N, C-alpha and C. Protein backbone atom coordinates (compact mmCIF):
# COMPACT_ATOMS: atom_id res chain seq x y z
N MET A 1 100.30 82.99 84.16
CA MET A 1 100.16 83.85 85.32
C MET A 1 101.19 83.43 86.38
N SER A 2 101.89 84.41 86.94
CA SER A 2 102.87 84.10 87.96
C SER A 2 102.20 84.08 89.33
N PHE A 3 102.81 83.37 90.25
CA PHE A 3 102.30 83.37 91.61
C PHE A 3 103.40 83.87 92.52
N LEU A 4 103.04 84.18 93.73
CA LEU A 4 103.98 84.75 94.68
C LEU A 4 104.80 83.63 95.31
N ARG A 5 106.08 83.61 94.97
CA ARG A 5 106.96 82.56 95.45
C ARG A 5 107.88 83.08 96.55
N VAL A 6 108.24 82.18 97.44
CA VAL A 6 109.19 82.48 98.50
C VAL A 6 110.11 81.29 98.65
N THR A 7 111.41 81.55 98.77
CA THR A 7 112.34 80.49 99.14
C THR A 7 112.88 80.81 100.52
N LEU A 8 113.06 79.78 101.32
CA LEU A 8 113.61 79.91 102.65
C LEU A 8 114.81 78.98 102.75
N ASP A 9 115.97 79.57 102.92
CA ASP A 9 117.22 78.81 102.96
C ASP A 9 117.34 77.91 101.73
N GLY A 10 116.94 78.44 100.58
CA GLY A 10 117.08 77.74 99.31
C GLY A 10 115.95 76.79 98.95
N GLU A 11 115.01 76.58 99.84
CA GLU A 11 113.90 75.67 99.60
C GLU A 11 112.60 76.45 99.40
N PRO A 12 111.81 76.11 98.39
CA PRO A 12 110.55 76.84 98.17
C PRO A 12 109.52 76.55 99.25
N LEU A 13 108.80 77.59 99.66
CA LEU A 13 107.66 77.39 100.55
C LEU A 13 106.48 76.92 99.71
N SER A 14 105.52 76.30 100.35
CA SER A 14 104.30 75.90 99.63
C SER A 14 103.60 77.15 99.12
N THR A 15 102.72 76.99 98.16
CA THR A 15 101.98 78.13 97.60
C THR A 15 101.25 78.89 98.70
N GLU A 16 100.58 78.17 99.59
CA GLU A 16 99.82 78.82 100.66
C GLU A 16 100.75 79.58 101.61
N GLU A 17 101.86 78.96 101.99
CA GLU A 17 102.83 79.62 102.87
C GLU A 17 103.44 80.84 102.18
N GLY A 18 103.72 80.71 100.89
CA GLY A 18 104.29 81.81 100.13
C GLY A 18 103.36 83.00 100.06
N ILE A 19 102.08 82.75 99.80
CA ILE A 19 101.10 83.83 99.73
C ILE A 19 100.99 84.53 101.09
N ALA A 20 100.94 83.75 102.17
CA ALA A 20 100.85 84.34 103.51
C ALA A 20 102.10 85.17 103.82
N PHE A 21 103.27 84.67 103.43
CA PHE A 21 104.52 85.39 103.65
C PHE A 21 104.52 86.71 102.89
N TRP A 22 104.11 86.67 101.62
CA TRP A 22 104.02 87.89 100.80
C TRP A 22 103.05 88.89 101.41
N LYS A 23 101.93 88.43 101.94
CA LYS A 23 100.96 89.34 102.56
C LYS A 23 101.59 90.04 103.77
N ARG A 24 102.31 89.28 104.60
CA ARG A 24 102.99 89.88 105.75
C ARG A 24 104.06 90.86 105.28
N PHE A 25 104.82 90.47 104.26
CA PHE A 25 105.87 91.33 103.71
C PHE A 25 105.27 92.63 103.19
N SER A 26 104.20 92.54 102.43
CA SER A 26 103.56 93.73 101.86
C SER A 26 103.03 94.65 102.94
N ALA A 27 102.39 94.09 103.95
CA ALA A 27 101.87 94.90 105.06
C ALA A 27 103.00 95.60 105.80
N TRP A 28 104.10 94.86 106.04
CA TRP A 28 105.25 95.44 106.73
C TRP A 28 105.83 96.59 105.91
N MET A 29 106.04 96.36 104.62
CA MET A 29 106.67 97.38 103.78
C MET A 29 105.77 98.60 103.61
N GLU A 30 104.47 98.41 103.69
CA GLU A 30 103.53 99.54 103.64
C GLU A 30 103.74 100.44 104.85
N GLU A 31 103.92 99.82 106.01
CA GLU A 31 104.10 100.56 107.26
C GLU A 31 105.54 101.04 107.48
N HIS A 32 106.51 100.30 106.92
CA HIS A 32 107.94 100.57 107.14
C HIS A 32 108.67 100.53 105.79
N PRO A 33 108.45 101.52 104.91
CA PRO A 33 109.03 101.47 103.56
C PRO A 33 110.54 101.22 103.56
N GLY A 34 110.95 100.21 102.80
CA GLY A 34 112.36 99.90 102.62
C GLY A 34 113.01 99.14 103.76
N ASP A 35 112.27 98.80 104.82
CA ASP A 35 112.86 98.16 105.99
C ASP A 35 112.86 96.64 105.87
N LEU A 36 113.71 96.14 104.99
CA LEU A 36 113.84 94.69 104.80
C LEU A 36 114.37 94.02 106.06
N ALA A 37 115.35 94.65 106.70
CA ALA A 37 115.95 94.06 107.90
C ALA A 37 114.93 93.92 109.02
N GLY A 38 114.09 94.93 109.19
CA GLY A 38 113.06 94.88 110.22
C GLY A 38 112.07 93.76 109.96
N PHE A 39 111.68 93.59 108.69
CA PHE A 39 110.76 92.50 108.36
C PHE A 39 111.42 91.15 108.62
N ALA A 40 112.67 91.01 108.18
CA ALA A 40 113.38 89.74 108.40
C ALA A 40 113.41 89.43 109.90
N LYS A 41 113.76 90.41 110.71
CA LYS A 41 113.83 90.21 112.16
C LYS A 41 112.46 89.81 112.72
N SER A 42 111.40 90.45 112.22
CA SER A 42 110.05 90.14 112.72
C SER A 42 109.64 88.71 112.39
N GLU A 43 110.27 88.12 111.36
CA GLU A 43 109.98 86.74 110.95
C GLU A 43 110.98 85.74 111.54
N GLY A 44 111.92 86.23 112.36
CA GLY A 44 112.94 85.35 112.93
C GLY A 44 114.01 84.96 111.94
N LEU A 45 114.24 85.82 110.94
CA LEU A 45 115.20 85.53 109.87
C LEU A 45 116.37 86.51 109.92
N ALA A 46 117.46 86.14 109.24
CA ALA A 46 118.61 87.04 109.11
C ALA A 46 118.42 88.01 107.96
N SER A 47 117.71 87.57 106.90
CA SER A 47 117.55 88.44 105.74
C SER A 47 116.37 88.04 104.87
N VAL A 48 115.88 89.02 104.12
CA VAL A 48 114.86 88.81 103.09
C VAL A 48 115.23 89.73 101.94
N HIS A 49 115.30 89.16 100.74
CA HIS A 49 115.64 89.93 99.55
C HIS A 49 114.65 89.66 98.43
N PRO A 50 114.03 90.68 97.86
CA PRO A 50 113.19 90.46 96.69
C PRO A 50 114.05 90.26 95.45
N GLU A 51 113.68 89.32 94.61
CA GLU A 51 114.37 89.06 93.35
C GLU A 51 113.33 88.77 92.28
N MET A 52 113.77 88.81 91.03
CA MET A 52 112.95 88.40 89.90
C MET A 52 113.56 87.14 89.32
N HIS A 53 112.81 86.05 89.31
CA HIS A 53 113.27 84.78 88.74
C HIS A 53 112.40 84.47 87.53
N ASP A 54 113.00 84.44 86.36
CA ASP A 54 112.28 84.16 85.12
C ASP A 54 111.05 85.06 84.97
N GLY A 55 111.19 86.32 85.36
CA GLY A 55 110.13 87.30 85.21
C GLY A 55 109.08 87.29 86.31
N SER A 56 109.24 86.45 87.33
CA SER A 56 108.29 86.38 88.43
C SER A 56 108.95 86.85 89.73
N PRO A 57 108.21 87.58 90.58
CA PRO A 57 108.78 88.03 91.84
C PRO A 57 108.96 86.88 92.82
N VAL A 58 110.09 86.89 93.52
CA VAL A 58 110.41 85.89 94.52
C VAL A 58 111.01 86.60 95.72
N LEU A 59 110.56 86.23 96.92
CA LEU A 59 111.22 86.69 98.13
C LEU A 59 112.18 85.59 98.55
N VAL A 60 113.45 85.96 98.70
CA VAL A 60 114.50 85.02 99.08
C VAL A 60 114.82 85.29 100.55
N ALA A 61 114.40 84.37 101.41
CA ALA A 61 114.56 84.52 102.85
C ALA A 61 115.63 83.56 103.35
N SER A 62 116.33 83.98 104.41
CA SER A 62 117.40 83.15 104.94
C SER A 62 117.55 83.32 106.44
N HIS A 63 117.91 82.23 107.09
CA HIS A 63 118.25 82.28 108.51
C HIS A 63 119.71 82.67 108.71
N THR A 64 120.53 82.61 107.64
CA THR A 64 121.97 82.84 107.79
C THR A 64 122.58 83.91 106.89
N ALA A 65 122.03 84.13 105.69
CA ALA A 65 122.61 85.11 104.77
C ALA A 65 122.43 86.53 105.32
N PRO A 66 123.44 87.37 105.20
CA PRO A 66 123.33 88.73 105.73
C PRO A 66 122.34 89.57 104.92
N GLN A 67 121.72 90.51 105.61
CA GLN A 67 120.79 91.43 104.94
C GLN A 67 121.59 92.42 104.11
N LYS A 68 121.10 92.72 102.93
CA LYS A 68 121.69 93.73 102.05
C LYS A 68 120.75 94.91 101.99
N ALA A 69 121.27 96.03 101.52
CA ALA A 69 120.44 97.23 101.36
C ALA A 69 119.33 96.97 100.35
N TYR A 70 118.22 97.65 100.51
CA TYR A 70 117.08 97.53 99.61
C TYR A 70 117.42 98.22 98.29
N THR A 71 117.42 97.46 97.20
CA THR A 71 117.72 97.99 95.88
C THR A 71 116.74 97.39 94.88
N THR A 72 116.95 97.69 93.62
CA THR A 72 116.16 97.06 92.56
C THR A 72 116.38 95.56 92.61
N ALA A 73 115.31 94.80 92.53
CA ALA A 73 115.40 93.34 92.61
C ALA A 73 116.24 92.79 91.46
N PRO A 74 117.27 91.97 91.77
CA PRO A 74 118.05 91.38 90.70
C PRO A 74 117.21 90.38 89.90
N LYS A 75 117.51 90.29 88.61
CA LYS A 75 116.80 89.36 87.73
C LYS A 75 117.64 88.12 87.53
N LYS A 76 117.00 86.97 87.71
CA LYS A 76 117.68 85.69 87.52
C LYS A 76 116.84 84.81 86.63
N SER A 77 117.51 83.95 85.87
CA SER A 77 116.78 83.01 85.02
C SER A 77 117.11 81.60 85.46
N GLY A 78 116.28 80.66 85.04
CA GLY A 78 116.50 79.26 85.38
C GLY A 78 117.54 78.60 84.50
N SER A 79 118.02 79.31 83.48
CA SER A 79 119.01 78.72 82.59
C SER A 79 120.37 78.70 83.27
N LYS A 80 121.24 77.81 82.80
CA LYS A 80 122.56 77.69 83.40
C LYS A 80 123.48 78.78 82.87
N LYS A 81 124.16 79.42 83.80
CA LYS A 81 125.16 80.42 83.48
C LYS A 81 126.40 80.12 84.30
N ASN A 82 127.54 80.11 83.68
CA ASN A 82 128.79 79.85 84.38
C ASN A 82 128.74 78.55 85.18
N GLY A 83 127.98 77.56 84.70
CA GLY A 83 127.94 76.27 85.34
C GLY A 83 127.02 76.18 86.55
N LYS A 84 126.32 77.28 86.86
CA LYS A 84 125.43 77.28 88.02
C LYS A 84 124.04 77.71 87.57
N THR A 85 123.03 77.09 88.11
CA THR A 85 121.67 77.41 87.74
C THR A 85 121.25 78.76 88.30
N GLY A 86 120.79 79.66 87.42
CA GLY A 86 120.20 80.91 87.84
C GLY A 86 121.15 81.90 88.46
N ARG A 87 122.42 81.71 88.30
CA ARG A 87 123.38 82.65 88.89
C ARG A 87 124.29 83.16 87.80
N SER A 88 124.61 84.40 87.88
CA SER A 88 125.59 84.97 86.95
C SER A 88 126.78 85.48 87.75
N ARG A 89 127.91 85.48 87.13
CA ARG A 89 129.13 85.93 87.80
C ARG A 89 129.21 87.45 87.72
N HIS A 90 129.55 88.09 88.84
CA HIS A 90 129.70 89.55 88.88
C HIS A 90 131.11 89.91 89.21
C-alpha cells in the first residue's frame, strides 16, 4: 500500500506532515481546480508539482523551483538512469 508522500526542497516530510499537506492540497484543488501556483503561494512556497515515484503519488514542493503548468504527473523510478537517481534525460 502506498502512502501520501511529500518532498520539500528535496527532503521528505514526515508521514504525518505529508498527510496533512496532501489534505490541504486536495481541499485547495477541489475549490481551485488546476491552481498549483495558488496553492504553493498559500503554503509560502514557490512551487508544488505532483509526480509519480515508483507508482506512488508524490507532491514535490519547493521554496525556489519555478512553478510549471499543471499537466499529467511525470513518472519517476528509484532506479538509476543516466547516472542520476530517479531522473531521466529529456
